[in-house]
């Protein structure tokens, strides 16, 4: 998954690393049938500076060009395949989680204290990026994760 250590030779910017992780999570996730022509990675407007959008928008996922969308309201989630949330208070909001389940949106956040409401949490431990998967939450959103992704996780609940 290309998880590197910040500060090491050839290290990757934090925003780049989050974009790369989101891309890889997306490649190894299966969504219910989707007829959209674009793959939407969404963030809340106040999280937009925490992710390298240009890096993601040069990619394709499932044969679709990636577009990063900034949302203001939770109802806008219906157009998203992935939601990246930096603000942990939002990431564990019950209404948010109900909607990501309803719309089959993969919720990726950077929670310091993961709870069962998130799906994939990116964490920085000893200057290395790891991620935790809450597999039951992913299944409740009608998503499937590849066994390859599950094996790379630091922890799977």
C-alpha atoms as a PDB file:
ATOM      1  CA  UNK A   1       0.000   0.000   0.000  1.00  0.00           C
ATOM      2  CA  UNK A   2       3.017   2.286  -0.011  1.00  0.00           C
ATOM      3  CA  UNK A   3       2.878   3.323   3.624  1.00  0.00           C
ATOM      4  CA  UNK A   4       6.067   5.288   4.230  1.00  0.00           C
ATOM      5  CA  UNK A   5       7.688   6.939   7.166  1.00  0.00           C
ATOM      6  CA  UNK A   6       7.556  10.743   7.289  1.00  0.00           C
ATOM      7  CA  UNK A   7      10.996  12.325   7.387  1.00  0.00           C
ATOM      8  CA  UNK A   8      12.684   9.399   5.678  1.00  0.00           C
ATOM      9  CA  UNK A   9      14.505   9.789   2.375  1.00  0.00           C
ATOM     10  CA  UNK A  10      11.885  10.138  -0.318  1.00  0.00           C
ATOM     11  CA  UNK A  11       9.172  10.700   2.266  1.00  0.00           C
ATOM     12  CA  UNK A  12       5.652  11.569   1.205  1.00  0.00           C
ATOM     13  CA  UNK A  13       3.689  14.631   2.237  1.00  0.00           C
ATOM     14  CA  UNK A  14       0.848  13.876   4.689  1.00  0.00           C
ATOM     15  CA  UNK A  15      -1.757  15.114   2.190  1.00  0.00           C
ATOM     16  CA  UNK A  16      -0.247  12.889  -0.508  1.00  0.00           C
ATOM     17  CA  UNK A  17      -0.220   9.882   1.812  1.00  0.00           C
ATOM     18  CA  UNK A  18      -3.900  10.296   2.676  1.00  0.00           C
ATOM     19  CA  UNK A  19      -4.763  10.579  -1.024  1.00  0.00           C
ATOM     20  CA  UNK A  20      -2.725   7.450  -1.812  1.00  0.00           C
ATOM     21  CA  UNK A  21      -4.383   5.499   0.986  1.00  0.00           C
ATOM     22  CA  UNK A  22      -7.862   6.576  -0.116  1.00  0.00           C
ATOM     23  CA  UNK A  23      -7.037   5.560  -3.671  1.00  0.00           C
ATOM     24  CA  UNK A  24      -5.847   2.118  -2.534  1.00  0.00           C
ATOM     25  CA  UNK A  25      -8.840   1.622  -0.228  1.00  0.00           C
ATOM     26  CA  UNK A  26     -11.075   2.428  -3.201  1.00  0.00           C
ATOM     27  CA  UNK A  27      -9.308   0.048  -5.565  1.00  0.00           C
ATOM     28  CA  UNK A  28      -9.848  -2.805  -3.099  1.00  0.00           C
ATOM     29  CA  UNK A  29     -13.499  -2.002  -2.350  1.00  0.00           C
ATOM     30  CA  UNK A  30     -16.542  -3.230  -4.233  1.00  0.00           C
ATOM     31  CA  UNK A  31     -19.686  -1.100  -4.314  1.00  0.00           C
ATOM     32  CA  UNK A  32     -23.196  -2.129  -5.292  1.00  0.00           C
ATOM     33  CA  UNK A  33     -23.867  -1.520  -8.975  1.00  0.00           C
ATOM     34  CA  UNK A  34     -23.223   2.117  -9.805  1.00  0.00           C
ATOM     35  CA  UNK A  35     -24.137   3.773 -13.096  1.00  0.00           C
ATOM     36  CA  UNK A  36     -22.311   7.054 -12.430  1.00  0.00           C
ATOM     37  CA  UNK A  37     -19.672   8.007 -14.998  1.00  0.00           C
ATOM     38  CA  UNK A  38     -17.387   9.540 -12.368  1.00  0.00           C
ATOM     39  CA  UNK A  39     -15.976   8.141  -9.125  1.00  0.00           C
ATOM     40  CA  UNK A  40     -16.592  10.731  -6.386  1.00  0.00           C
ATOM     41  CA  UNK A  41     -14.289  11.112  -3.393  1.00  0.00           C
ATOM     42  CA  UNK A  42     -15.960  13.608  -1.088  1.00  0.00           C
ATOM     43  CA  UNK A  43     -14.805  15.760   1.807  1.00  0.00           C
ATOM     44  CA  UNK A  44     -16.535  18.358   3.907  1.00  0.00           C
ATOM     45  CA  UNK A  45     -15.496  21.861   2.918  1.00  0.00           C
ATOM     46  CA  UNK A  46     -13.450  22.365   6.099  1.00  0.00           C
ATOM     47  CA  UNK A  47     -11.467  19.164   5.372  1.00  0.00           C
ATOM     48  CA  UNK A  48     -10.505  20.050   1.792  1.00  0.00           C
ATOM     49  CA  UNK A  49      -6.998  21.246   2.688  1.00  0.00           C
ATOM     50  CA  UNK A  50      -6.157  17.884   4.311  1.00  0.00           C
ATOM     51  CA  UNK A  51      -6.083  15.894   1.085  1.00  0.00           C
ATOM     52  CA  UNK A  52      -4.103  16.206  -2.154  1.00  0.00           C
ATOM     53  CA  UNK A  53      -7.004  16.473  -4.568  1.00  0.00           C
ATOM     54  CA  UNK A  54      -4.837  16.833  -7.676  1.00  0.00           C
ATOM     55  CA  UNK A  55      -3.158  13.497  -6.958  1.00  0.00           C
ATOM     56  CA  UNK A  56      -6.519  11.745  -6.737  1.00  0.00           C
ATOM     57  CA  UNK A  57      -7.986  13.477  -9.774  1.00  0.00           C
ATOM     58  CA  UNK A  58      -5.184  12.094 -11.978  1.00  0.00           C
ATOM     59  CA  UNK A  59      -6.399   8.561 -11.211  1.00  0.00           C
ATOM     60  CA  UNK A  60      -9.193   6.288 -12.346  1.00  0.00           C
ATOM     61  CA  UNK A  61     -11.055   3.829 -10.142  1.00  0.00           C
ATOM     62  CA  UNK A  62     -13.149   1.038 -11.614  1.00  0.00           C
ATOM     63  CA  UNK A  63     -12.570   2.594 -15.043  1.00  0.00           C
ATOM     64  CA  UNK A  64     -14.020   5.944 -13.968  1.00  0.00           C
ATOM     65  CA  UNK A  65     -12.176   9.247 -13.585  1.00  0.00           C
ATOM     66  CA  UNK A  66     -11.895  10.419  -9.985  1.00  0.00           C
ATOM     67  CA  UNK A  67     -13.430  13.722  -8.978  1.00  0.00           C
ATOM     68  CA  UNK A  68     -13.025  15.255  -5.505  1.00  0.00           C
ATOM     69  CA  UNK A  69     -16.210  16.936  -4.315  1.00  0.00           C
ATOM     70  CA  UNK A  70     -16.640  19.250  -1.327  1.00  0.00           C
ATOM     71  CA  UNK A  71     -19.936  18.795   0.428  1.00  0.00           C
ATOM     72  CA  UNK A  72     -21.780  21.147   2.764  1.00  0.00           C
ATOM     73  CA  UNK A  73     -24.775  19.048   3.725  1.00  0.00           C
ATOM     74  CA  UNK A  74     -25.131  15.393   4.619  1.00  0.00           C
ATOM     75  CA  UNK A  75     -27.736  14.841   1.898  1.00  0.00           C
ATOM     76  CA  UNK A  76     -24.992  15.395  -0.692  1.00  0.00           C
ATOM     77  CA  UNK A  77     -23.494  12.029   0.332  1.00  0.00           C
ATOM     78  CA  UNK A  78     -25.788  10.231  -2.109  1.00  0.00           C
ATOM     79  CA  UNK A  79     -23.390  11.174  -4.925  1.00  0.00           C
ATOM     80  CA  UNK A  80     -20.231   9.951  -3.139  1.00  0.00           C
ATOM     81  CA  UNK A  81     -18.442   6.612  -3.215  1.00  0.00           C
ATOM     82  CA  UNK A  82     -15.884   7.638  -0.564  1.00  0.00           C
ATOM     83  CA  UNK A  83     -16.118  10.248   2.185  1.00  0.00           C
ATOM     84  CA  UNK A  84     -12.876  11.423   3.802  1.00  0.00           C
ATOM     85  CA  UNK A  85     -13.344  13.126   7.163  1.00  0.00           C
ATOM     86  CA  UNK A  86     -10.527  14.709   9.128  1.00  0.00           C
ATOM     87  CA  UNK A  87     -12.777  16.175  11.840  1.00  0.00           C
ATOM     88  CA  UNK A  88     -13.312  13.279  14.243  1.00  0.00           C
ATOM     89  CA  UNK A  89     -16.442  14.802  15.757  1.00  0.00           C
ATOM     90  CA  UNK A  90     -18.078  14.561  12.326  1.00  0.00           C
ATOM     91  CA  UNK A  91     -16.670  11.110  11.624  1.00  0.00           C
ATOM     92  CA  UNK A  92     -18.550   9.609  14.532  1.00  0.00           C
ATOM     93  CA  UNK A  93     -21.820  11.471  14.136  1.00  0.00           C
ATOM     94  CA  UNK A  94     -24.640   8.909  14.176  1.00  0.00           C
ATOM     95  CA  UNK A  95     -26.669  10.640  11.434  1.00  0.00           C
ATOM     96  CA  UNK A  96     -23.609  10.725   9.181  1.00  0.00           C
ATOM     97  CA  UNK A  97     -23.039   7.025   9.677  1.00  0.00           C
ATOM     98  CA  UNK A  98     -26.682   6.205   8.988  1.00  0.00           C
ATOM     99  CA  UNK A  99     -26.434   8.046   5.668  1.00  0.00           C
ATOM    100  CA  UNK A 100     -23.138   6.470   4.575  1.00  0.00           C
ATOM    101  CA  UNK A 101     -24.732   3.079   5.201  1.00  0.00           C
ATOM    102  CA  UNK A 102     -27.848   4.064   3.263  1.00  0.00           C
ATOM    103  CA  UNK A 103     -25.876   5.343   0.265  1.00  0.00           C
ATOM    104  CA  UNK A 104     -23.055   2.726   0.426  1.00  0.00           C
ATOM    105  CA  UNK A 105     -20.325   5.321   0.977  1.00  0.00           C
ATOM    106  CA  UNK A 106     -16.919   4.192   2.260  1.00  0.00           C
ATOM    107  CA  UNK A 107     -16.168   6.391   5.292  1.00  0.00           C
ATOM    108  CA  UNK A 108     -12.441   7.035   5.793  1.00  0.00           C
ATOM    109  CA  UNK A 109     -11.305   9.191   8.691  1.00  0.00           C
ATOM    110  CA  UNK A 110      -8.294   9.992  10.848  1.00  0.00           C
ATOM    111  CA  UNK A 111      -9.855   9.308  14.231  1.00  0.00           C
ATOM    112  CA  UNK A 112      -7.451   9.136  17.123  1.00  0.00           C
ATOM    113  CA  UNK A 113      -9.884   7.034  19.166  1.00  0.00           C
ATOM    114  CA  UNK A 114     -11.657   4.769  16.683  1.00  0.00           C
ATOM    115  CA  UNK A 115     -15.198   3.739  17.486  1.00  0.00           C
ATOM    116  CA  UNK A 116     -17.507   1.263  15.839  1.00  0.00           C
ATOM    117  CA  UNK A 117     -19.214   3.969  13.774  1.00  0.00           C
ATOM    118  CA  UNK A 118     -16.315   4.545  11.370  1.00  0.00           C
ATOM    119  CA  UNK A 119     -15.243   2.176   8.578  1.00  0.00           C
ATOM    120  CA  UNK A 120     -11.546   2.787   7.919  1.00  0.00           C
ATOM    121  CA  UNK A 121      -9.386   4.946  10.176  1.00  0.00           C
ATOM    122  CA  UNK A 122      -5.972   6.182   9.108  1.00  0.00           C
ATOM    123  CA  UNK A 123      -3.634   6.559  12.047  1.00  0.00           C
ATOM    124  CA  UNK A 124      -0.056   7.724  12.472  1.00  0.00           C
ATOM    125  CA  UNK A 125       1.807   5.505  14.951  1.00  0.00           C
ATOM    126  CA  UNK A 126       5.552   5.871  15.567  1.00  0.00           C
ATOM    127  CA  UNK A 127       5.915   7.959  12.396  1.00  0.00           C
ATOM    128  CA  UNK A 128       4.264   5.264  10.255  1.00  0.00           C
ATOM    129  CA  UNK A 129       0.823   5.245   8.714  1.00  0.00           C
ATOM    130  CA  UNK A 130      -1.472   2.370   9.629  1.00  0.00           C
ATOM    131  CA  UNK A 131      -5.144   1.801   9.158  1.00  0.00           C
ATOM    132  CA  UNK A 132      -7.878   0.089  11.112  1.00  0.00           C
ATOM    133  CA  UNK A 133     -10.919  -1.494   9.495  1.00  0.00           C
ATOM    134  CA  UNK A 134     -14.310  -1.919  11.139  1.00  0.00           C
ATOM    135  CA  UNK A 135     -15.446  -4.703   8.863  1.00  0.00           C
ATOM    136  CA  UNK A 136     -18.969  -4.953  10.278  1.00  0.00           C
ATOM    137  CA  UNK A 137     -19.567  -1.255   9.549  1.00  0.00           C
ATOM    138  CA  UNK A 138     -18.336  -1.778   5.984  1.00  0.00           C
ATOM    139  CA  UNK A 139     -20.685  -4.739   5.492  1.00  0.00           C
ATOM    140  CA  UNK A 140     -23.620  -2.752   6.919  1.00  0.00           C
ATOM    141  CA  UNK A 141     -23.030  -0.204   4.124  1.00  0.00           C
ATOM    142  CA  UNK A 142     -23.336  -3.019   1.548  1.00  0.00           C
ATOM    143  CA  UNK A 143     -19.646  -2.710   0.619  1.00  0.00           C
ATOM    144  CA  UNK A 144     -17.090  -5.482   0.198  1.00  0.00           C
ATOM    145  CA  UNK A 145     -13.388  -5.179   0.951  1.00  0.00           C
ATOM    146  CA  UNK A 146     -10.802  -7.337  -0.741  1.00  0.00           C
ATOM    147  CA  UNK A 147      -9.013  -9.872   1.435  1.00  0.00           C
ATOM    148  CA  UNK A 148      -5.787  -8.166   0.287  1.00  0.00           C
ATOM    149  CA  UNK A 149      -6.869  -4.944   1.987  1.00  0.00           C
ATOM    150  CA  UNK A 150      -8.022  -6.751   5.121  1.00  0.00           C
ATOM    151  CA  UNK A 151      -4.627  -8.467   5.444  1.00  0.00           C
ATOM    152  CA  UNK A 152      -2.792  -5.114   5.277  1.00  0.00           C
ATOM    153  CA  UNK A 153      -4.811  -3.509   8.070  1.00  0.00           C
ATOM    154  CA  UNK A 154      -3.164  -3.021  11.467  1.00  0.00           C
ATOM    155  CA  UNK A 155      -6.408  -4.238  13.041  1.00  0.00           C
ATOM    156  CA  UNK A 156      -9.735  -5.528  11.750  1.00  0.00           C
ATOM    157  CA  UNK A 157     -12.768  -5.430  14.008  1.00  0.00           C
END
